[in-house]
C-alpha atoms as a PDB file:
ATOM      1  CA  MET A   1     203.192  82.415  60.450  1.00  0.00           C
ATOM      2  CA  LYS A   2     201.828  79.001  59.661  1.00  0.00           C
ATOM      3  CA  ARG A   3     198.081  78.701  59.210  1.00  0.00           C
ATOM      4  CA  VAL A   4     196.344  76.741  61.891  1.00  0.00           C
ATOM      5  CA  PHE A   5     194.458  74.625  59.358  1.00  0.00           C
ATOM      6  CA  THR A   6     196.515  72.319  57.169  1.00  0.00           C
ATOM      7  CA  PRO A   7     195.125  70.059  54.435  1.00  0.00           C
ATOM      8  CA  LEU A   8     194.058  66.850  56.101  1.00  0.00           C
ATOM      9  CA  VAL A   9     191.736  64.020  55.185  1.00  0.00           C
ATOM     10  CA  VAL A  10     189.039  64.040  57.849  1.00  0.00           C
ATOM     11  CA  ALA A  11     188.160  60.374  57.754  1.00  0.00           C
ATOM     12  CA  ALA A  12     185.976  60.583  60.814  1.00  0.00           C
ATOM     13  CA  VAL A  13     183.462  62.887  59.136  1.00  0.00           C
ATOM     14  CA  ALA A  14     180.624  61.401  57.107  1.00  0.00           C
ATOM     15  CA  ALA A  15     178.572  62.990  54.340  1.00  0.00           C
ATOM     16  CA  PHE A  16     176.929  66.381  54.689  1.00  0.00           C
ATOM     17  CA  ALA A  17     173.928  66.614  56.985  1.00  0.00           C
ATOM     18  CA  ILE A  18     170.533  67.373  55.504  1.00  0.00           C
ATOM     19  CA  PRO A  19     170.219  71.155  55.631  1.00  0.00           C
ATOM     20  CA  PHE A  20     167.873  72.599  58.229  1.00  0.00           C
ATOM     21  CA  GLY A  21     165.097  74.999  57.476  1.00  0.00           C
ATOM     22  CA  GLY A  22     163.747  73.040  54.488  1.00  0.00           C
ATOM     23  CA  THR A  23     160.471  71.208  54.094  1.00  0.00           C
ATOM     24  CA  ALA A  24     161.858  67.672  54.307  1.00  0.00           C
ATOM     25  CA  SER A  25     159.791  65.517  56.637  1.00  0.00           C
ATOM     26  CA  ALA A  26     162.545  62.949  57.128  1.00  0.00           C
ATOM     27  CA  GLN A  27     164.510  62.915  60.334  1.00  0.00           C
ATOM     28  CA  GLU A  28     167.320  65.431  59.982  1.00  0.00           C
ATOM     29  CA  VAL A  29     170.924  64.963  61.084  1.00  0.00           C
ATOM     30  CA  VAL A  30     172.882  67.268  63.381  1.00  0.00           C
ATOM     31  CA  LYS A  31     176.585  66.486  63.608  1.00  0.00           C
ATOM     32  CA  ILE A  32     178.486  67.439  66.759  1.00  0.00           C
ATOM     33  CA  GLY A  33     182.272  67.148  66.543  1.00  0.00           C
ATOM     34  CA  VAL A  34     183.881  65.655  69.640  1.00  0.00           C
ATOM     35  CA  GLN A  35     187.230  64.404  70.894  1.00  0.00           C
ATOM     36  CA  PRO A  36     188.079  61.585  73.331  1.00  0.00           C
ATOM     37  CA  ALA A  37     188.228  63.770  76.424  1.00  0.00           C
ATOM     38  CA  THR A  38     186.289  64.936  79.484  1.00  0.00           C
ATOM     39  CA  HIS A  39     183.700  66.941  77.533  1.00  0.00           C
ATOM     40  CA  PRO A  40     180.383  67.672  79.292  1.00  0.00           C
ATOM     41  CA  ILE A  41     178.490  66.956  76.059  1.00  0.00           C
ATOM     42  CA  TYR A  42     179.311  63.249  76.577  1.00  0.00           C
ATOM     43  CA  ILE A  43     177.699  63.352  80.032  1.00  0.00           C
ATOM     44  CA  ALA A  44     174.638  65.055  78.556  1.00  0.00           C
ATOM     45  CA  ARG A  45     174.419  62.269  75.998  1.00  0.00           C
ATOM     46  CA  GLU A  46     174.895  59.500  78.577  1.00  0.00           C
ATOM     47  CA  MET A  47     172.215  61.091  80.793  1.00  0.00           C
ATOM     48  CA  GLY A  48     169.736  60.832  77.917  1.00  0.00           C
ATOM     49  CA  LEU A  49     169.345  64.597  77.601  1.00  0.00           C
ATOM     50  CA  LEU A  50     170.313  64.654  73.934  1.00  0.00           C
ATOM     51  CA  ALA A  51     167.845  61.842  73.176  1.00  0.00           C
ATOM     52  CA  GLU A  52     165.060  64.057  74.497  1.00  0.00           C
ATOM     53  CA  ILE A  53     166.134  66.827  72.104  1.00  0.00           C
ATOM     54  CA  GLU A  54     166.191  64.348  69.218  1.00  0.00           C
ATOM     55  CA  LYS A  55     162.562  63.458  69.919  1.00  0.00           C
ATOM     56  CA  LYS A  56     161.507  67.070  70.422  1.00  0.00           C
ATOM     57  CA  TYR A  57     162.907  68.288  67.094  1.00  0.00           C
ATOM     58  CA  ASN A  58     162.798  65.055  65.046  1.00  0.00           C
ATOM     59  CA  VAL A  59     166.568  65.104  64.574  1.00  0.00           C
ATOM     60  CA  LYS A  60     169.336  62.571  64.913  1.00  0.00           C
ATOM     61  CA  PHE A  61     172.625  63.558  66.521  1.00  0.00           C
ATOM     62  CA  GLU A  62     175.774  62.071  65.052  1.00  0.00           C
ATOM     63  CA  TRP A  63     179.189  62.309  66.673  1.00  0.00           C
ATOM     64  CA  PRO A  64     182.181  62.601  64.295  1.00  0.00           C
ATOM     65  CA  LEU A  65     185.300  61.914  66.353  1.00  0.00           C
ATOM     66  CA  PHE A  66     188.528  63.914  66.003  1.00  0.00           C
ATOM     67  CA  THR A  67     191.868  63.549  67.763  1.00  0.00           C
ATOM     68  CA  TYR A  68     192.533  67.307  67.886  1.00  0.00           C
ATOM     69  CA  GLY A  69     191.142  70.669  66.830  1.00  0.00           C
ATOM     70  CA  ALA A  70     192.541  71.353  63.349  1.00  0.00           C
ATOM     71  CA  PRO A  71     190.666  68.628  61.447  1.00  0.00           C
ATOM     72  CA  GLU A  72     187.579  69.357  63.535  1.00  0.00           C
ATOM     73  CA  ASN A  73     187.699  72.965  62.367  1.00  0.00           C
ATOM     74  CA  GLN A  74     188.220  71.838  58.790  1.00  0.00           C
ATOM     75  CA  ALA A  75     185.020  69.847  59.038  1.00  0.00           C
ATOM     76  CA  MET A  76     183.277  72.873  60.511  1.00  0.00           C
ATOM     77  CA  ALA A  77     184.551  75.073  57.680  1.00  0.00           C
ATOM     78  CA  ALA A  78     183.239  72.597  55.111  1.00  0.00           C
ATOM     79  CA  GLY A  79     179.814  72.474  56.749  1.00  0.00           C
ATOM     80  CA  GLU A  80     180.289  68.812  57.614  1.00  0.00           C
ATOM     81  CA  ILE A  81     179.565  69.412  61.300  1.00  0.00           C
ATOM     82  CA  GLN A  82     177.230  71.994  62.783  1.00  0.00           C
ATOM     83  CA  LEU A  83     178.404  72.088  66.413  1.00  0.00           C
ATOM     84  CA  ALA A  84     181.719  71.223  68.032  1.00  0.00           C
ATOM     85  CA  SER A  85     183.471  70.685  71.345  1.00  0.00           C
ATOM     86  CA  ALA A  86     187.227  71.346  71.216  1.00  0.00           C
ATOM     87  CA  GLY A  87     190.122  73.043  72.937  1.00  0.00           C
ATOM     88  CA  MET A  88     189.757  76.761  73.551  1.00  0.00           C
ATOM     89  CA  GLY A  89     192.544  77.613  71.116  1.00  0.00           C
ATOM     90  CA  PRO A  90     190.873  75.911  68.130  1.00  0.00           C
ATOM     91  CA  ALA A  91     187.480  77.210  69.300  1.00  0.00           C
ATOM     92  CA  ILE A  92     188.656  80.839  69.303  1.00  0.00           C
ATOM     93  CA  VAL A  93     190.496  80.428  65.996  1.00  0.00           C
ATOM     94  CA  ALA A  94     187.336  78.991  64.429  1.00  0.00           C
ATOM     95  CA  ALA A  95     185.256  81.844  65.826  1.00  0.00           C
ATOM     96  CA  THR A  96     187.719  84.279  64.267  1.00  0.00           C
ATOM     97  CA  ARG A  97     188.339  82.785  60.832  1.00  0.00           C
ATOM     98  CA  LEU A  98     185.197  80.794  60.091  1.00  0.00           C
ATOM     99  CA  PRO A  99     181.445  81.587  59.998  1.00  0.00           C
ATOM    100  CA  VAL A 100     181.326  80.325  63.582  1.00  0.00           C
ATOM    101  CA  LYS A 101     180.436  81.631  67.034  1.00  0.00           C
ATOM    102  CA  LEU A 102     181.739  80.508  70.415  1.00  0.00           C
ATOM    103  CA  LEU A 103     178.745  79.602  72.587  1.00  0.00           C
ATOM    104  CA  ALA A 104     180.191  78.256  75.844  1.00  0.00           C
ATOM    105  CA  ILE A 105     183.320  77.591  77.889  1.00  0.00           C
ATOM    106  CA  THR A 106     182.855  74.031  79.086  1.00  0.00           C
ATOM    107  CA  VAL A 107     186.087  72.845  80.757  1.00  0.00           C
ATOM    108  CA  LEU A 108     188.787  74.713  82.677  1.00  0.00           C
ATOM    109  CA  GLU A 109     192.452  73.831  83.131  1.00  0.00           C
ATOM    110  CA  GLN A 110     193.296  70.488  81.355  1.00  0.00           C
ATOM    111  CA  THR A 111     196.824  71.430  80.181  1.00  0.00           C
ATOM    112  CA  ALA A 112     200.152  71.027  82.004  1.00  0.00           C
ATOM    113  CA  VAL A 113     203.908  71.103  81.403  1.00  0.00           C
ATOM    114  CA  LEU A 114     205.243  67.675  82.340  1.00  0.00           C
ATOM    115  CA  ILE A 115     208.679  66.290  83.187  1.00  0.00           C
ATOM    116  CA  ARG A 116     209.895  62.798  84.057  1.00  0.00           C
ATOM    117  CA  ALA A 117     208.995  61.596  87.514  1.00  0.00           C
ATOM    118  CA  ASP A 118     212.693  61.355  88.407  1.00  0.00           C
ATOM    119  CA  SER A 119     213.693  64.673  86.812  1.00  0.00           C
ATOM    120  CA  PRO A 120     215.711  67.053  89.019  1.00  0.00           C
ATOM    121  CA  ILE A 121     214.229  70.085  87.220  1.00  0.00           C
ATOM    122  CA  LYS A 122     212.282  72.305  89.592  1.00  0.00           C
ATOM    123  CA  SER A 123     211.466  75.387  87.492  1.00  0.00           C
ATOM    124  CA  VAL A 124     210.780  76.443  83.920  1.00  0.00           C
ATOM    125  CA  ALA A 125     213.964  78.512  84.004  1.00  0.00           C
ATOM    126  CA  GLU A 126     215.955  75.261  84.295  1.00  0.00           C
ATOM    127  CA  LEU A 127     214.710  74.210  80.849  1.00  0.00           C
ATOM    128  CA  LYS A 128     217.194  76.563  79.195  1.00  0.00           C
ATOM    129  CA  GLY A 129     219.097  74.680  76.499  1.00  0.00           C
ATOM    130  CA  LYS A 130     216.852  71.620  76.840  1.00  0.00           C
ATOM    131  CA  GLY A 131     214.296  69.966  74.574  1.00  0.00           C
ATOM    132  CA  ILE A 132     210.555  70.571  74.969  1.00  0.00           C
ATOM    133  CA  ALA A 133     207.836  68.650  73.123  1.00  0.00           C
ATOM    134  CA  HIS A 134     204.634  70.417  72.066  1.00  0.00           C
ATOM    135  CA  PRO A 135     201.645  69.700  69.770  1.00  0.00           C
ATOM    136  CA  GLY A 136     202.373  72.484  67.263  1.00  0.00           C
ATOM    137  CA  LYS A 137     201.893  76.209  66.811  1.00  0.00           C
ATOM    138  CA  GLY A 138     198.239  75.733  65.942  1.00  0.00           C
ATOM    139  CA  SER A 139     197.506  74.314  69.376  1.00  0.00           C
ATOM    140  CA  GLN A 140     196.671  76.232  72.536  1.00  0.00           C
ATOM    141  CA  GLN A 141     199.489  74.360  74.279  1.00  0.00           C
ATOM    142  CA  TYR A 142     202.167  76.082  72.185  1.00  0.00           C
ATOM    143  CA  PRO A 143     201.354  79.655  73.294  1.00  0.00           C
ATOM    144  CA  LEU A 144     201.019  78.454  76.880  1.00  0.00           C
ATOM    145  CA  MET A 145     204.527  76.998  76.677  1.00  0.00           C
ATOM    146  CA  VAL A 146     205.820  80.227  75.131  1.00  0.00           C
ATOM    147  CA  LYS A 147     204.247  82.266  77.929  1.00  0.00           C
ATOM    148  CA  ALA A 148     205.693  79.957  80.587  1.00  0.00           C
ATOM    149  CA  LEU A 149     209.151  80.447  79.051  1.00  0.00           C
ATOM    150  CA  MET A 150     208.732  84.219  78.852  1.00  0.00           C
ATOM    151  CA  ASP A 151     207.555  84.397  82.464  1.00  0.00           C
ATOM    152  CA  ALA A 152     210.758  82.547  83.414  1.00  0.00           C
ATOM    153  CA  GLY A 153     212.919  85.016  81.487  1.00  0.00           C
ATOM    154  CA  LEU A 154     213.454  82.702  78.501  1.00  0.00           C
ATOM    155  CA  SER A 155     212.420  82.698  74.850  1.00  0.00           C
ATOM    156  CA  VAL A 156     211.885  79.942  72.306  1.00  0.00           C
ATOM    157  CA  ASP A 157     215.456  80.572  71.156  1.00  0.00           C
ATOM    158  CA  ASP A 158     216.716  79.452  74.568  1.00  0.00           C
ATOM    159  CA  VAL A 159     215.261  75.939  74.211  1.00  0.00           C
ATOM    160  CA  GLU A 160     214.869  73.251  71.567  1.00  0.00           C
ATOM    161  CA  LEU A 161     211.233  72.797  70.574  1.00  0.00           C
ATOM    162  CA  TYR A 162     209.989  69.509  69.135  1.00  0.00           C
ATOM    163  CA  LYS A 163     206.593  69.303  67.469  1.00  0.00           C
ATOM    164  CA  THR A 164     204.750  66.021  67.917  1.00  0.00           C
ATOM    165  CA  LYS A 165     201.272  64.622  68.472  1.00  0.00           C
ATOM    166  CA  GLY A 166     199.755  65.437  71.848  1.00  0.00           C
ATOM    167  CA  SER A 167     199.480  61.723  72.556  1.00  0.00           C
ATOM    168  CA  ASP A 168     203.236  61.256  71.962  1.00  0.00           C
ATOM    169  CA  VAL A 169     204.478  64.055  74.232  1.00  0.00           C
ATOM    170  CA  VAL A 170     204.627  61.818  77.304  1.00  0.00           C
ATOM    171  CA  THR A 171     206.475  59.074  75.414  1.00  0.00           C
ATOM    172  CA  LEU A 172     209.211  61.513  74.413  1.00  0.00           C
ATOM    173  CA  ILE A 173     209.538  62.701  78.008  1.00  0.00           C
ATOM    174  CA  VAL A 174     209.662  59.211  79.515  1.00  0.00           C
ATOM    175  CA  ASN A 175     212.178  58.017  76.909  1.00  0.00           C
ATOM    176  CA  GLY A 176     214.455  60.936  77.716  1.00  0.00           C
ATOM    177  CA  ASP A 177     214.219  62.409  74.214  1.00  0.00           C
ATOM    178  CA  VAL A 178     213.122  65.735  75.697  1.00  0.00           C
ATOM    179  CA  ALA A 179     213.363  67.245  79.158  1.00  0.00           C
ATOM    180  CA  ALA A 180     209.769  68.441  79.238  1.00  0.00           C
ATOM    181  CA  GLY A 181     206.582  68.584  77.233  1.00  0.00           C
ATOM    182  CA  ILE A 182     203.169  70.200  77.224  1.00  0.00           C
ATOM    183  CA  THR A 183     199.947  68.341  76.484  1.00  0.00           C
ATOM    184  CA  TRP A 184     196.312  68.094  77.562  1.00  0.00           C
ATOM    185  CA  ASP A 185     193.945  65.782  79.376  1.00  0.00           C
ATOM    186  CA  PRO A 186     193.445  62.785  79.249  1.00  0.00           C
ATOM    187  CA  HIS A 187     197.130  62.423  78.257  1.00  0.00           C
ATOM    188  CA  VAL A 188     198.082  64.360  81.397  1.00  0.00           C
ATOM    189  CA  SER A 189     195.996  62.239  83.765  1.00  0.00           C
ATOM    190  CA  LYS A 190     197.051  58.974  82.121  1.00  0.00           C
ATOM    191  CA  ALA A 191     200.740  59.757  82.594  1.00  0.00           C
ATOM    192  CA  LEU A 192     200.349  61.096  86.125  1.00  0.00           C
ATOM    193  CA  GLN A 193     198.211  58.134  87.161  1.00  0.00           C
ATOM    194  CA  ALA A 194     200.886  55.779  85.793  1.00  0.00           C
ATOM    195  CA  GLY A 195     203.546  57.596  87.818  1.00  0.00           C
ATOM    196  CA  THR A 196     205.882  58.140  84.848  1.00  0.00           C
ATOM    197  CA  VAL A 197     205.803  61.953  84.931  1.00  0.00           C
ATOM    198  CA  LYS A 198     205.098  64.853  87.236  1.00  0.00           C
ATOM    199  CA  VAL A 199     203.790  68.373  86.677  1.00  0.00           C
ATOM    200  CA  LEU A 200     206.385  71.111  86.374  1.00  0.00           C
ATOM    201  CA  ILE A 201     203.767  73.828  86.007  1.00  0.00           C
ATOM    202  CA  GLY A 202     200.023  73.728  85.392  1.00  0.00           C
ATOM    203  CA  ALA A 203     197.986  75.918  83.065  1.00  0.00           C
ATOM    204  CA  LYS A 204     196.413  77.777  85.988  1.00  0.00           C
ATOM    205  CA  ASP A 205     199.887  78.863  87.075  1.00  0.00           C
ATOM    206  CA  ILE A 206     200.719  80.079  83.577  1.00  0.00           C
ATOM    207  CA  MET A 207     197.494  81.865  82.737  1.00  0.00           C
ATOM    208  CA  PRO A 208     194.637  81.976  85.272  1.00  0.00           C
ATOM    209  CA  ILE A 209     191.763  83.524  83.355  1.00  0.00           C
ATOM    210  CA  LYS A 210     188.443  82.252  84.785  1.00  0.00           C
ATOM    211  CA  ALA A 211     187.748  81.327  88.407  1.00  0.00           C
ATOM    212  CA  GLY A 212     191.501  81.038  88.986  1.00  0.00           C
ATOM    213  CA  HIS A 213     191.960  78.573  86.143  1.00  0.00           C
ATOM    214  CA  TYR A 214     192.934  78.457  82.501  1.00  0.00           C
ATOM    215  CA  ILE A 215     190.042  78.026  80.053  1.00  0.00           C
ATOM    216  CA  GLY A 216     190.548  74.673  78.395  1.00  0.00           C
ATOM    217  CA  ASN A 217     187.574  73.815  76.203  1.00  0.00           C
ATOM    218  CA  GLY A 218     184.899  75.563  74.181  1.00  0.00           C
ATOM    219  CA  PHE A 219     181.602  74.663  72.538  1.00  0.00           C
ATOM    220  CA  TYR A 220     180.876  76.434  69.258  1.00  0.00           C
ATOM    221  CA  GLY A 221     178.802  76.237  66.109  1.00  0.00           C
ATOM    222  CA  ARG A 222     178.202  77.456  62.591  1.00  0.00           C
ATOM    223  CA  ILE A 223     176.322  80.762  62.491  1.00  0.00           C
ATOM    224  CA  ASP A 224     173.906  79.597  59.790  1.00  0.00           C
ATOM    225  CA  PHE A 225     172.939  76.594  61.896  1.00  0.00           C
ATOM    226  CA  ILE A 226     172.652  78.636  65.104  1.00  0.00           C
ATOM    227  CA  ASP A 227     170.484  81.312  63.458  1.00  0.00           C
ATOM    228  CA  GLY A 228     168.215  78.725  61.843  1.00  0.00           C
ATOM    229  CA  ASN A 229     167.783  76.557  64.950  1.00  0.00           C
ATOM    230  CA  LYS A 230     167.886  78.824  67.976  1.00  0.00           C
ATOM    231  CA  GLU A 231     165.525  76.770  70.131  1.00  0.00           C
ATOM    232  CA  LEU A 232     167.394  73.543  69.447  1.00  0.00           C
ATOM    233  CA  VAL A 233     170.755  75.195  70.135  1.00  0.00           C
ATOM    234  CA  GLN A 234     169.377  76.633  73.374  1.00  0.00           C
ATOM    235  CA  ASP A 235     168.257  73.183  74.474  1.00  0.00           C
ATOM    236  CA  VAL A 236     171.708  71.735  73.689  1.00  0.00           C
ATOM    237  CA  ILE A 237     173.450  74.467  75.699  1.00  0.00           C
ATOM    238  CA  ASN A 238     170.984  73.845  78.534  1.00  0.00           C
ATOM    239  CA  THR A 239     172.176  70.239  78.676  1.00  0.00           C
ATOM    240  CA  LEU A 240     175.783  71.384  79.120  1.00  0.00           C
ATOM    241  CA  VAL A 241     174.918  73.197  82.358  1.00  0.00           C
ATOM    242  CA  THR A 242     172.877  70.221  83.563  1.00  0.00           C
ATOM    243  CA  ALA A 243     175.790  67.907  82.731  1.00  0.00           C
ATOM    244  CA  ILE A 244     178.301  70.104  84.574  1.00  0.00           C
ATOM    245  CA  ASP A 245     176.018  70.183  87.632  1.00  0.00           C
ATOM    246  CA  PHE A 246     176.038  66.373  87.521  1.00  0.00           C
ATOM    247  CA  ILE A 247     179.840  66.249  87.120  1.00  0.00           C
ATOM    248  CA  LEU A 248     180.305  68.500  90.146  1.00  0.00           C
ATOM    249  CA  ALA A 249     177.888  66.437  92.236  1.00  0.00           C
ATOM    250  CA  GLU A 250     178.908  62.967  91.009  1.00  0.00           C
ATOM    251  CA  PRO A 251     182.509  63.042  89.718  1.00  0.00           C
ATOM    252  CA  ARG A 252     183.054  59.281  90.008  1.00  0.00           C
ATOM    253  CA  LYS A 253     179.810  58.447  88.203  1.00  0.00           C
ATOM    254  CA  SER A 254     180.787  60.993  85.562  1.00  0.00           C
ATOM    255  CA  ALA A 255     184.153  59.295  85.091  1.00  0.00           C
ATOM    256  CA  LYS A 256     182.370  55.986  84.436  1.00  0.00           C
ATOM    257  CA  MET A 257     180.076  57.680  81.926  1.00  0.00           C
ATOM    258  CA  TRP A 258     183.029  59.275  80.119  1.00  0.00           C
ATOM    259  CA  SER A 259     184.705  55.890  80.015  1.00  0.00           C
ATOM    260  CA  ASP A 260     181.592  54.287  78.524  1.00  0.00           C
ATOM    261  CA  ALA A 261     181.335  57.078  75.948  1.00  0.00           C
ATOM    262  CA  THR A 262     184.980  57.346  74.906  1.00  0.00           C
ATOM    263  CA  GLY A 263     186.640  54.058  75.800  1.00  0.00           C
ATOM    264  CA  LEU A 264     189.159  55.862  78.009  1.00  0.00           C
ATOM    265  CA  PRO A 265     190.200  53.925  81.152  1.00  0.00           C
ATOM    266  CA  VAL A 266     187.948  54.757  84.083  1.00  0.00           C
ATOM    267  CA  ASP A 267     190.899  54.888  86.508  1.00  0.00           C
ATOM    268  CA  VAL A 268     192.491  57.622  84.389  1.00  0.00           C
ATOM    269  CA  LEU A 269     189.248  59.589  84.359  1.00  0.00           C
ATOM    270  CA  ASN A 270     188.857  59.132  88.108  1.00  0.00           C
ATOM    271  CA  TYR A 271     192.361  60.537  88.498  1.00  0.00           C
ATOM    272  CA  SER A 272     191.402  63.518  86.360  1.00  0.00           C
ATOM    273  CA  VAL A 273     188.328  64.452  88.385  1.00  0.00           C
ATOM    274  CA  ASP A 274     189.855  63.588  91.764  1.00  0.00           C
ATOM    275  CA  ASN A 275     192.948  65.713  91.132  1.00  0.00           C
ATOM    276  CA  LYS A 276     191.178  68.455  89.204  1.00  0.00           C
ATOM    277  CA  ILE A 277     193.212  68.046  86.045  1.00  0.00           C
ATOM    278  CA  SER A 278     189.990  68.883  84.234  1.00  0.00           C
ATOM    279  CA  VAL A 279     188.009  71.498  86.181  1.00  0.00           C
ATOM    280  CA  PHE A 280     184.335  72.371  85.783  1.00  0.00           C
ATOM    281  CA  ASN A 281     182.346  75.516  86.537  1.00  0.00           C
ATOM    282  CA  ARG A 282     178.642  75.815  85.770  1.00  0.00           C
ATOM    283  CA  ASP A 283     179.120  79.432  84.613  1.00  0.00           C
ATOM    284  CA  ILE A 284     179.818  78.505  81.001  1.00  0.00           C
ATOM    285  CA  ALA A 285     179.052  81.955  79.542  1.00  0.00           C
ATOM    286  CA  PRO A 286     181.903  83.409  77.438  1.00  0.00           C
ATOM    287  CA  SER A 287     182.202  86.928  78.884  1.00  0.00           C
ATOM    288  CA  LYS A 288     183.822  89.788  76.984  1.00  0.00           C
ATOM    289  CA  GLU A 289     186.538  90.039  79.607  1.00  0.00           C
ATOM    290  CA  THR A 290     187.444  86.365  79.269  1.00  0.00           C
ATOM    291  CA  VAL A 291     187.299  86.286  75.457  1.00  0.00           C
ATOM    292  CA  ASP A 292     189.305  89.513  75.166  1.00  0.00           C
ATOM    293  CA  ALA A 293     191.996  88.216  77.529  1.00  0.00           C
ATOM    294  CA  TYR A 294     192.291  84.938  75.646  1.00  0.00           C
ATOM    295  CA  THR A 295     192.329  86.695  72.273  1.00  0.00           C
ATOM    296  CA  LYS A 296     195.135  88.959  73.465  1.00  0.00           C
ATOM    297  CA  PHE A 297     197.013  85.849  74.574  1.00  0.00           C
ATOM    298  CA  LEU A 298     196.709  84.226  71.130  1.00  0.00           C
ATOM    299  CA  LYS A 299     197.721  87.447  69.392  1.00  0.00           C
ATOM    300  CA  ALA A 300     200.837  87.709  71.547  1.00  0.00           C
ATOM    301  CA  ALA A 301     201.745  84.178  70.480  1.00  0.00           C
ATOM    302  CA  GLY A 302     201.275  85.005  66.800  1.00  0.00           C
ATOM    303  CA  ILE A 303     198.359  82.597  66.354  1.00  0.00           C
ATOM    304  CA  LEU A 304     195.906  85.428  65.723  1.00  0.00           C
ATOM    305  CA  LYS A 305     196.592  88.616  63.778  1.00  0.00           C
ATOM    306  CA  PRO A 306     196.449  92.015  65.512  1.00  0.00           C
ATOM    307  CA  ASP A 307     193.094  92.872  63.927  1.00  0.00           C
ATOM    308  CA  ASP A 308     191.477  89.465  64.507  1.00  0.00           C
ATOM    309  CA  ASN A 309     188.377  89.426  66.692  1.00  0.00           C
ATOM    310  CA  PRO A 310     186.462  86.225  67.513  1.00  0.00           C
ATOM    311  CA  LYS A 311     182.679  86.068  67.303  1.00  0.00           C
ATOM    312  CA  TYR A 312     180.809  84.824  70.337  1.00  0.00           C
ATOM    313  CA  ASP A 313     177.281  84.745  71.710  1.00  0.00           C
ATOM    314  CA  ALA A 314     176.875  84.400  75.461  1.00  0.00           C
ATOM    315  CA  SER A 315     173.054  84.615  75.391  1.00  0.00           C
ATOM    316  CA  PHE A 316     172.481  80.859  75.121  1.00  0.00           C
ATOM    317  CA  ALA A 317     174.770  80.144  78.093  1.00  0.00           C
ATOM    318  CA  ILE A 318     173.232  82.970  80.140  1.00  0.00           C
ATOM    319  CA  ASN A 319     169.748  81.567  79.476  1.00  0.00           C
ATOM    320  CA  ALA A 320     170.955  78.065  80.355  1.00  0.00           C
ATOM    321  CA  LEU A 321     172.212  79.293  83.728  1.00  0.00           C
ATOM    322  CA  LYS A 322     168.653  80.428  84.581  1.00  0.00           C
ATOM    323  CA  GLN A 323     167.201  76.923  84.326  1.00  0.00           C
END
């Protein structure tokens, strides 16, 4: 089995942050890894909630940007970021293989199997013998695709799998290079909003795991940082619940804030929230039932080993829900 983490130059990550817990009086740096997506942490930042934490603890938040989870986890492993928002697959892998704990489940759904808008295919079973694009075995999209095939009575040997970047999946579909592909938001919303593709099957139909949806995104951090800065971490997790409450109440305003934060087109983000491509639930606590089910899923796909067990701490999320 290929390792999830491959040697990559993480150009988006700057020098190491000043370690916490020392006697330095200078403003200290906390680095939170993010991706250009519908992450609640962006809303918390745009609402000014993170600025309040900076003042309270005399810290400065920095935001290394990653295009997907593997390099983000590399940065986490190297101690170059302290907290991270990423897909649930990378989040659980990090919590299993690194000195990291999962702290929250922040976005549901997000992933879908797409086909061309004019495709006659109506079921996963009809993909037999056809090409399917995916982001790689280290992604959470790969095991979802495998499960969708298995549920349709197929295996990976019955199709032709093509590994590519998540951002290129739609291009391969539209160009007719593959019959289908699996990717995540905002790539899903962008393609659907443009009318070039349609959904063959959504993640919630492949693996409903929380509130009738797939769990798409996690927030996690290094154990040494969490243990040394529990009050700060609690305040950050509190902002995630506040941000999700805002998203649920003001989806269009949230889309504009995501656009301002990430540069993604606001019409694409409006499509995402209007059509529930990205779904939000204020109960962000990672329960044992949910984590166990997702871990079993990754083990079945060969991404985790049989004796792997992710580390998680639901206490911060549970406390945040009481605010």
